[in-house]
């Protein structure tokens, strides 16, 4: 499915992905191919995307909106940055 992360300044990310996990208002949730259509608000937190066997992480610094339909996920964000997972032992 196609994931687009769009900010007011630019298209921050636009690639095919296998899974997107986002920080929803009532907890995180994931979307995969053929997910039911959804529009939801997002809270600041970590977005995890999986492409084949590789994971990438982005941090939402402010609230955002996600829309998913027809195997296309669009995240409208004002502030976002790529980040790396923190390992806690």
PDB file of N, CA and C in Angstrom:
ATOM      1  N   UNK A   1       0.842  -1.166   0.000  1.00  0.00           N
ATOM      2  CA  UNK A   1       0.000   0.000   0.000  1.00  0.00           C
ATOM      3  C   UNK A   1       0.891   1.233   0.000  1.00  0.00           C
ATOM      4  N   UNK A   2       0.362   2.318  -0.492  1.00  0.00           N
ATOM      5  CA  UNK A   2       1.132   3.559  -0.576  1.00  0.00           C
ATOM      6  C   UNK A   2       0.933   4.379   0.695  1.00  0.00           C
ATOM      7  N   UNK A   3       2.041   4.801   1.308  1.00  0.00           N
ATOM      8  CA  UNK A   3       2.000   5.688   2.471  1.00  0.00           C
ATOM      9  C   UNK A   3       2.557   7.038   2.062  1.00  0.00           C
ATOM     10  N   UNK A   4       1.780   8.086   2.346  1.00  0.00           N
ATOM     11  CA  UNK A   4       2.246   9.460   2.150  1.00  0.00           C
ATOM     12  C   UNK A   4       2.158  10.178   3.492  1.00  0.00           C
ATOM     13  N   UNK A   5       3.245  10.809   3.882  1.00  0.00           N
ATOM     14  CA  UNK A   5       3.240  11.687   5.049  1.00  0.00           C
ATOM     15  C   UNK A   5       3.474  13.088   4.508  1.00  0.00           C
ATOM     16  N   UNK A   6       2.502  13.949   4.725  1.00  0.00           N
ATOM     17  CA  UNK A   6       2.534  15.281   4.129  1.00  0.00           C
ATOM     18  C   UNK A   6       2.550  16.337   5.234  1.00  0.00           C
ATOM     19  N   UNK A   7       3.468  17.293   5.100  1.00  0.00           N
ATOM     20  CA  UNK A   7       3.523  18.440   6.001  1.00  0.00           C
ATOM     21  C   UNK A   7       3.198  19.683   5.172  1.00  0.00           C
ATOM     22  N   UNK A   8       2.968  20.821   5.815  1.00  0.00           N
ATOM     23  CA  UNK A   8       2.713  22.045   5.038  1.00  0.00           C
ATOM     24  C   UNK A   8       3.882  22.422   4.125  1.00  0.00           C
ATOM     25  N   UNK A   9       5.094  22.011   4.480  1.00  0.00           N
ATOM     26  CA  UNK A   9       6.276  22.390   3.713  1.00  0.00           C
ATOM     27  C   UNK A   9       6.556  21.467   2.527  1.00  0.00           C
ATOM     28  N   UNK A  10       6.231  20.141   2.671  1.00  0.00           N
ATOM     29  CA  UNK A  10       6.627  19.199   1.617  1.00  0.00           C
ATOM     30  C   UNK A  10       5.958  17.845   1.817  1.00  0.00           C
ATOM     31  N   UNK A  11       6.149  16.986   0.830  1.00  0.00           N
ATOM     32  CA  UNK A  11       5.794  15.572   0.993  1.00  0.00           C
ATOM     33  C   UNK A  11       6.989  14.947   1.706  1.00  0.00           C
ATOM     34  N   UNK A  12       6.801  14.628   2.979  1.00  0.00           N
ATOM     35  CA  UNK A  12       7.882  14.167   3.849  1.00  0.00           C
ATOM     36  C   UNK A  12       8.300  12.739   3.505  1.00  0.00           C
ATOM     37  N   UNK A  13       7.330  11.898   3.134  1.00  0.00           N
ATOM     38  CA  UNK A  13       7.593  10.485   2.854  1.00  0.00           C
ATOM     39  C   UNK A  13       6.535  10.000   1.874  1.00  0.00           C
ATOM     40  N   UNK A  14       6.949   9.241   0.857  1.00  0.00           N
ATOM     41  CA  UNK A  14       5.997   8.667  -0.097  1.00  0.00           C
ATOM     42  C   UNK A  14       6.617   7.397  -0.666  1.00  0.00           C
ATOM     43  N   UNK A  15       6.177   6.249  -0.128  1.00  0.00           N
ATOM     44  CA  UNK A  15       6.717   4.961  -0.571  1.00  0.00           C
ATOM     45  C   UNK A  15       5.690   3.873  -0.327  1.00  0.00           C
ATOM     46  N   UNK A  16       5.900   2.739  -0.977  1.00  0.00           N
ATOM     47  CA  UNK A  16       5.084   1.555  -0.735  1.00  0.00           C
ATOM     48  C   UNK A  16       5.542   0.915   0.576  1.00  0.00           C
ATOM     49  N   UNK A  17       4.582   0.527   1.414  1.00  0.00           N
ATOM     50  CA  UNK A  17       4.888  -0.102   2.700  1.00  0.00           C
ATOM     51  C   UNK A  17       3.963  -1.305   2.897  1.00  0.00           C
ATOM     52  N   UNK A  18       4.335  -2.154   3.837  1.00  0.00           N
ATOM     53  CA  UNK A  18       3.520  -3.329   4.154  1.00  0.00           C
ATOM     54  C   UNK A  18       2.630  -3.102   5.374  1.00  0.00           C
ATOM     55  N   UNK A  19       3.085  -2.261   6.305  1.00  0.00           N
ATOM     56  CA  UNK A  19       2.349  -2.019   7.545  1.00  0.00           C
ATOM     57  C   UNK A  19       2.660  -0.623   8.051  1.00  0.00           C
ATOM     58  N   UNK A  20       1.665   0.022   8.627  1.00  0.00           N
ATOM     59  CA  UNK A  20       1.840   1.324   9.278  1.00  0.00           C
ATOM     60  C   UNK A  20       1.185   1.239  10.649  1.00  0.00           C
ATOM     61  N   UNK A  21       1.938   1.535  11.717  1.00  0.00           N
ATOM     62  CA  UNK A  21       1.376   1.595  13.072  1.00  0.00           C
ATOM     63  C   UNK A  21       1.445   3.047  13.515  1.00  0.00           C
ATOM     64  N   UNK A  22       0.304   3.587  13.967  1.00  0.00           N
ATOM     65  CA  UNK A  22       0.209   5.007  14.317  1.00  0.00           C
ATOM     66  C   UNK A  22      -0.320   5.173  15.739  1.00  0.00           C
ATOM     67  N   UNK A  23       0.000   6.312  16.377  1.00  0.00           N
ATOM     68  CA  UNK A  23      -0.477   6.584  17.741  1.00  0.00           C
ATOM     69  C   UNK A  23      -1.863   7.229  17.723  1.00  0.00           C
ATOM     70  N   UNK A  24      -2.897   6.422  17.805  1.00  0.00           N
ATOM     71  CA  UNK A  24      -4.264   6.938  17.802  1.00  0.00           C
ATOM     72  C   UNK A  24      -4.636   7.595  19.111  1.00  0.00           C
ATOM     73  N   UNK A  25      -5.748   8.257  19.107  1.00  0.00           N
ATOM     74  CA  UNK A  25      -6.232   8.964  20.294  1.00  0.00           C
ATOM     75  C   UNK A  25      -6.500   8.006  21.462  1.00  0.00           C
ATOM     76  N   UNK A  26      -6.954   6.778  21.160  1.00  0.00           N
ATOM     77  CA  UNK A  26      -7.265   5.785  22.191  1.00  0.00           C
ATOM     78  C   UNK A  26      -6.276   4.632  22.182  1.00  0.00           C
ATOM     79  N   UNK A  27      -5.066   4.860  21.736  1.00  0.00           N
ATOM     80  CA  UNK A  27      -4.043   3.823  21.657  1.00  0.00           C
ATOM     81  C   UNK A  27      -3.595   3.618  20.223  1.00  0.00           C
ATOM     82  N   UNK A  28      -2.476   2.937  20.058  1.00  0.00           N
ATOM     83  CA  UNK A  28      -1.943   2.757  18.711  1.00  0.00           C
ATOM     84  C   UNK A  28      -2.750   1.711  17.945  1.00  0.00           C
ATOM     85  N   UNK A  29      -2.734   1.838  16.622  1.00  0.00           N
ATOM     86  CA  UNK A  29      -3.377   0.849  15.768  1.00  0.00           C
ATOM     87  C   UNK A  29      -2.586   0.743  14.478  1.00  0.00           C
ATOM     88  N   UNK A  30      -2.749  -0.393  13.805  1.00  0.00           N
ATOM     89  CA  UNK A  30      -1.992  -0.654  12.585  1.00  0.00           C
ATOM     90  C   UNK A  30      -2.925  -0.802  11.401  1.00  0.00           C
ATOM     91  N   UNK A  31      -2.385  -0.515  10.223  1.00  0.00           N
ATOM     92  CA  UNK A  31      -3.103  -0.684   8.968  1.00  0.00           C
ATOM     93  C   UNK A  31      -2.222  -1.478   8.022  1.00  0.00           C
ATOM     94  N   UNK A  32      -2.835  -2.420   7.323  1.00  0.00           N
ATOM     95  CA  UNK A  32      -2.142  -3.241   6.327  1.00  0.00           C
ATOM     96  C   UNK A  32      -2.932  -3.178   5.024  1.00  0.00           C
ATOM     97  N   UNK A  33      -2.475  -3.920   4.025  1.00  0.00           N
ATOM     98  CA  UNK A  33      -3.177  -3.986   2.747  1.00  0.00           C
ATOM     99  C   UNK A  33      -4.646  -4.344   2.965  1.00  0.00           C
ATOM    100  N   UNK A  34      -5.512  -3.719   2.207  1.00  0.00           N
ATOM    101  CA  UNK A  34      -6.954  -3.989   2.224  1.00  0.00           C
ATOM    102  C   UNK A  34      -7.623  -3.675   3.561  1.00  0.00           C
ATOM    103  N   UNK A  35      -7.053  -2.781   4.331  1.00  0.00           N
ATOM    104  CA  UNK A  35      -7.663  -2.352   5.591  1.00  0.00           C
ATOM    105  C   UNK A  35      -8.964  -1.604   5.278  1.00  0.00           C
ATOM    106  N   UNK A  36      -9.913  -1.700   6.162  1.00  0.00           N
ATOM    107  CA  UNK A  36     -11.167  -0.954   5.992  1.00  0.00           C
ATOM    108  C   UNK A  36     -10.867   0.545   5.992  1.00  0.00           C
ATOM    109  N   UNK A  37     -11.619   1.328   5.233  1.00  0.00           N
ATOM    110  CA  UNK A  37     -11.399   2.783   5.217  1.00  0.00           C
ATOM    111  C   UNK A  37     -11.533   3.373   6.622  1.00  0.00           C
ATOM    112  N   UNK A  38     -10.682   4.342   6.915  1.00  0.00           N
ATOM    113  CA  UNK A  38     -10.687   4.964   8.240  1.00  0.00           C
ATOM    114  C   UNK A  38     -10.151   6.387   8.136  1.00  0.00           C
ATOM    115  N   UNK A  39     -10.690   7.262   8.972  1.00  0.00           N
ATOM    116  CA  UNK A  39     -10.138   8.596   9.208  1.00  0.00           C
ATOM    117  C   UNK A  39     -10.049   8.736  10.719  1.00  0.00           C
ATOM    118  N   UNK A  40      -8.883   9.150  11.217  1.00  0.00           N
ATOM    119  CA  UNK A  40      -8.697   9.236  12.661  1.00  0.00           C
ATOM    120  C   UNK A  40      -7.727  10.360  12.999  1.00  0.00           C
ATOM    121  N   UNK A  41      -7.903  10.916  14.190  1.00  0.00           N
ATOM    122  CA  UNK A  41      -6.913  11.867  14.691  1.00  0.00           C
ATOM    123  C   UNK A  41      -5.785  11.070  15.333  1.00  0.00           C
ATOM    124  N   UNK A  42      -4.599  11.643  15.310  1.00  0.00           N
ATOM    125  CA  UNK A  42      -3.421  11.007  15.894  1.00  0.00           C
ATOM    126  C   UNK A  42      -2.842  11.907  16.978  1.00  0.00           C
ATOM    127  N   UNK A  43      -2.280  11.283  17.979  1.00  0.00           N
ATOM    128  CA  UNK A  43      -1.620  11.989  19.067  1.00  0.00           C
ATOM    129  C   UNK A  43      -0.115  12.016  18.806  1.00  0.00           C
ATOM    130  N   UNK A  44       0.615  12.915  19.441  1.00  0.00           N
ATOM    131  CA  UNK A  44       2.071  12.876  19.322  1.00  0.00           C
ATOM    132  C   UNK A  44       2.579  11.501  19.747  1.00  0.00           C
ATOM    133  N   UNK A  45       3.544  10.990  19.032  1.00  0.00           N
ATOM    134  CA  UNK A  45       4.089   9.670  19.332  1.00  0.00           C
ATOM    135  C   UNK A  45       4.801   9.091  18.126  1.00  0.00           C
ATOM    136  N   UNK A  46       5.051   7.792  18.195  1.00  0.00           N
ATOM    137  CA  UNK A  46       5.866   7.110  17.202  1.00  0.00           C
ATOM    138  C   UNK A  46       5.002   6.447  16.131  1.00  0.00           C
ATOM    139  N   UNK A  47       5.388   6.654  14.870  1.00  0.00           N
ATOM    140  CA  UNK A  47       4.824   5.940  13.730  1.00  0.00           C
ATOM    141  C   UNK A  47       5.857   4.895  13.331  1.00  0.00           C
ATOM    142  N   UNK A  48       5.418   3.654  13.202  1.00  0.00           N
ATOM    143  CA  UNK A  48       6.309   2.577  12.762  1.00  0.00           C
ATOM    144  C   UNK A  48       5.826   2.111  11.397  1.00  0.00           C
ATOM    145  N   UNK A  49       6.738   2.024  10.443  1.00  0.00           N
ATOM    146  CA  UNK A  49       6.373   1.471   9.147  1.00  0.00           C
ATOM    147  C   UNK A  49       7.255   0.259   8.869  1.00  0.00           C
ATOM    148  N   UNK A  50       6.694  -0.723   8.203  1.00  0.00           N
ATOM    149  CA  UNK A  50       7.434  -1.920   7.816  1.00  0.00           C
ATOM    150  C   UNK A  50       7.412  -2.028   6.300  1.00  0.00           C
ATOM    151  N   UNK A  51       8.594  -2.167   5.738  1.00  0.00           N
ATOM    152  CA  UNK A  51       8.770  -2.380   4.306  1.00  0.00           C
ATOM    153  C   UNK A  51       9.562  -3.671   4.159  1.00  0.00           C
ATOM    154  N   UNK A  52       8.880  -4.718   3.679  1.00  0.00           N
ATOM    155  CA  UNK A  52       9.458  -6.064   3.637  1.00  0.00           C
ATOM    156  C   UNK A  52       9.927  -6.435   5.043  1.00  0.00           C
ATOM    157  N   UNK A  53      11.227  -6.534   5.293  1.00  0.00           N
ATOM    158  CA  UNK A  53      11.712  -6.893   6.628  1.00  0.00           C
ATOM    159  C   UNK A  53      12.380  -5.726   7.345  1.00  0.00           C
ATOM    160  N   UNK A  54      12.247  -4.527   6.808  1.00  0.00           N
ATOM    161  CA  UNK A  54      12.891  -3.353   7.392  1.00  0.00           C
ATOM    162  C   UNK A  54      11.849  -2.473   8.085  1.00  0.00           C
ATOM    163  N   UNK A  55      12.167  -2.020   9.287  1.00  0.00           N
ATOM    164  CA  UNK A  55      11.305  -1.099  10.017  1.00  0.00           C
ATOM    165  C   UNK A  55      11.933   0.289  10.023  1.00  0.00           C
ATOM    166  N   UNK A  56      11.082   1.309   9.890  1.00  0.00           N
ATOM    167  CA  UNK A  56      11.501   2.701  10.032  1.00  0.00           C
ATOM    168  C   UNK A  56      10.549   3.366  11.009  1.00  0.00           C
ATOM    169  N   UNK A  57      11.048   4.403  11.685  1.00  0.00           N
ATOM    170  CA  UNK A  57      10.273   5.068  12.721  1.00  0.00           C
ATOM    171  C   UNK A  57      10.270   6.577  12.488  1.00  0.00           C
ATOM    172  N   UNK A  58       9.114   7.171  12.722  1.00  0.00           N
ATOM    173  CA  UNK A  58       8.959   8.619  12.636  1.00  0.00           C
ATOM    174  C   UNK A  58       8.267   9.084  13.907  1.00  0.00           C
ATOM    175  N   UNK A  59       8.606  10.272  14.382  1.00  0.00           N
ATOM    176  CA  UNK A  59       7.969  10.803  15.580  1.00  0.00           C
ATOM    177  C   UNK A  59       7.088  11.994  15.227  1.00  0.00           C
ATOM    178  N   UNK A  60       5.799  11.836  15.557  1.00  0.00           N
ATOM    179  CA  UNK A  60       4.868  12.966  15.431  1.00  0.00           C
ATOM    180  C   UNK A  60       5.089  13.871  16.627  1.00  0.00           C
ATOM    181  N   UNK A  61       5.366  15.137  16.380  1.00  0.00           N
ATOM    182  CA  UNK A  61       5.624  16.077  17.468  1.00  0.00           C
ATOM    183  C   UNK A  61       4.375  16.855  17.862  1.00  0.00           C
ATOM    184  N   UNK A  62       3.340  16.767  17.047  1.00  0.00           N
ATOM    185  CA  UNK A  62       2.053  17.410  17.329  1.00  0.00           C
ATOM    186  C   UNK A  62       0.948  16.490  16.825  1.00  0.00           C
ATOM    187  N   UNK A  63      -0.285  16.818  17.171  1.00  0.00           N
ATOM    188  CA  UNK A  63      -1.411  16.027  16.686  1.00  0.00           C
ATOM    189  C   UNK A  63      -1.438  16.030  15.162  1.00  0.00           C
ATOM    190  N   UNK A  64      -2.022  14.974  14.589  1.00  0.00           N
ATOM    191  CA  UNK A  64      -2.083  14.835  13.139  1.00  0.00           C
ATOM    192  C   UNK A  64      -3.377  14.114  12.771  1.00  0.00           C
ATOM    193  N   UNK A  65      -3.555  13.875  11.475  1.00  0.00           N
ATOM    194  CA  UNK A  65      -4.732  13.173  10.968  1.00  0.00           C
ATOM    195  C   UNK A  65      -4.256  12.083  10.016  1.00  0.00           C
ATOM    196  N   UNK A  66      -4.909  10.915  10.078  1.00  0.00           N
ATOM    197  CA  UNK A  66      -4.611   9.837   9.145  1.00  0.00           C
ATOM    198  C   UNK A  66      -5.890   9.450   8.412  1.00  0.00           C
ATOM    199  N   UNK A  67      -5.746   9.149   7.132  1.00  0.00           N
ATOM    200  CA  UNK A  67      -6.862   8.656   6.324  1.00  0.00           C
ATOM    201  C   UNK A  67      -6.363   7.449   5.554  1.00  0.00           C
ATOM    202  N   UNK A  68      -7.154   6.379   5.534  1.00  0.00           N
ATOM    203  CA  UNK A  68      -6.806   5.184   4.784  1.00  0.00           C
ATOM    204  C   UNK A  68      -7.993   4.780   3.935  1.00  0.00           C
ATOM    205  N   UNK A  69      -7.756   4.590   2.639  1.00  0.00           N
ATOM    206  CA  UNK A  69      -8.770   4.040   1.745  1.00  0.00           C
ATOM    207  C   UNK A  69      -8.076   3.560   0.472  1.00  0.00           C
ATOM    208  N   UNK A  70      -8.625   2.544  -0.129  1.00  0.00           N
ATOM    209  CA  UNK A  70      -8.130   2.014  -1.411  1.00  0.00           C
ATOM    210  C   UNK A  70      -6.624   1.742  -1.388  1.00  0.00           C
ATOM    211  N   UNK A  71      -6.142   1.104  -0.313  1.00  0.00           N
ATOM    212  CA  UNK A  71      -4.719   0.767  -0.168  1.00  0.00           C
ATOM    213  C   UNK A  71      -3.807   1.987  -0.250  1.00  0.00           C
ATOM    214  N   UNK A  72      -4.283   3.104   0.273  1.00  0.00           N
ATOM    215  CA  UNK A  72      -3.497   4.339   0.324  1.00  0.00           C
ATOM    216  C   UNK A  72      -3.684   4.966   1.703  1.00  0.00           C
ATOM    217  N   UNK A  73      -2.585   5.216   2.394  1.00  0.00           N
ATOM    218  CA  UNK A  73      -2.608   5.844   3.709  1.00  0.00           C
ATOM    219  C   UNK A  73      -1.996   7.230   3.582  1.00  0.00           C
ATOM    220  N   UNK A  74      -2.711   8.238   4.063  1.00  0.00           N
ATOM    221  CA  UNK A  74      -2.204   9.608   4.045  1.00  0.00           C
ATOM    222  C   UNK A  74      -2.199  10.137   5.474  1.00  0.00           C
ATOM    223  N   UNK A  75      -1.054  10.631   5.901  1.00  0.00           N
ATOM    224  CA  UNK A  75      -0.922  11.258   7.215  1.00  0.00           C
ATOM    225  C   UNK A  75      -0.633  12.732   6.985  1.00  0.00           C
ATOM    226  N   UNK A  76      -1.495  13.591   7.528  1.00  0.00           N
ATOM    227  CA  UNK A  76      -1.299  15.035   7.452  1.00  0.00           C
ATOM    228  C   UNK A  76      -0.732  15.490   8.792  1.00  0.00           C
ATOM    229  N   UNK A  77       0.500  15.965   8.776  1.00  0.00           N
ATOM    230  CA  UNK A  77       1.198  16.326  10.011  1.00  0.00           C
ATOM    231  C   UNK A  77       1.795  17.718   9.882  1.00  0.00           C
ATOM    232  N   UNK A  78       1.898  18.411  11.000  1.00  0.00           N
ATOM    233  CA  UNK A  78       2.556  19.715  10.973  1.00  0.00           C
ATOM    234  C   UNK A  78       4.031  19.600  11.346  1.00  0.00           C
ATOM    235  N   UNK A  79       4.344  18.722  12.309  1.00  0.00           N
ATOM    236  CA  UNK A  79       5.741  18.544  12.728  1.00  0.00           C
ATOM    237  C   UNK A  79       6.031  17.061  12.887  1.00  0.00           C
ATOM    238  N   UNK A  80       7.031  16.579  12.152  1.00  0.00           N
ATOM    239  CA  UNK A  80       7.408  15.165  12.195  1.00  0.00           C
ATOM    240  C   UNK A  80       8.895  15.050  11.884  1.00  0.00           C
ATOM    241  N   UNK A  81       9.531  14.033  12.444  1.00  0.00           N
ATOM    242  CA  UNK A  81      10.948  13.786  12.131  1.00  0.00           C
ATOM    243  C   UNK A  81      11.222  12.293  12.177  1.00  0.00           C
ATOM    244  N   UNK A  82      12.198  11.865  11.397  1.00  0.00           N
ATOM    245  CA  UNK A  82      12.584  10.453  11.445  1.00  0.00           C
ATOM    246  C   UNK A  82      13.355  10.215  12.729  1.00  0.00           C
ATOM    247  N   UNK A  83      13.137   9.057  13.332  1.00  0.00           N
ATOM    248  CA  UNK A  83      13.772   8.740  14.599  1.00  0.00           C
ATOM    249  C   UNK A  83      14.208   7.277  14.582  1.00  0.00           C
ATOM    250  N   UNK A  84      14.771   6.824  15.648  1.00  0.00           N
ATOM    251  CA  UNK A  84      15.243   5.445  15.769  1.00  0.00           C
ATOM    252  C   UNK A  84      14.696   4.878  17.062  1.00  0.00           C
ATOM    253  N   UNK A  85      14.460   3.577  17.098  1.00  0.00           N
ATOM    254  CA  UNK A  85      13.877   2.981  18.313  1.00  0.00           C
ATOM    255  C   UNK A  85      14.852   3.067  19.481  1.00  0.00           C
ATOM    256  N   UNK A  86      14.286   3.244  20.658  1.00  0.00           N
ATOM    257  CA  UNK A  86      15.070   3.253  21.888  1.00  0.00           C
ATOM    258  C   UNK A  86      14.928   1.874  22.509  1.00  0.00           C
ATOM    259  N   UNK A  87      16.044   1.215  22.722  1.00  0.00           N
ATOM    260  CA  UNK A  87      16.007  -0.115  23.315  1.00  0.00           C
ATOM    261  C   UNK A  87      16.120   0.001  24.825  1.00  0.00           C
ATOM    262  N   UNK A  88      15.175  -0.596  25.534  1.00  0.00           N
ATOM    263  CA  UNK A  88      15.188  -0.586  26.999  1.00  0.00           C
ATOM    264  C   UNK A  88      15.389  -2.014  27.456  1.00  0.00           C
ATOM    265  N   UNK A  89      16.335  -2.193  28.360  1.00  0.00           N
ATOM    266  CA  UNK A  89      16.612  -3.564  28.860  1.00  0.00           C
ATOM    267  C   UNK A  89      16.226  -3.672  30.296  1.00  0.00           C
TER     268      UNK A  89
END
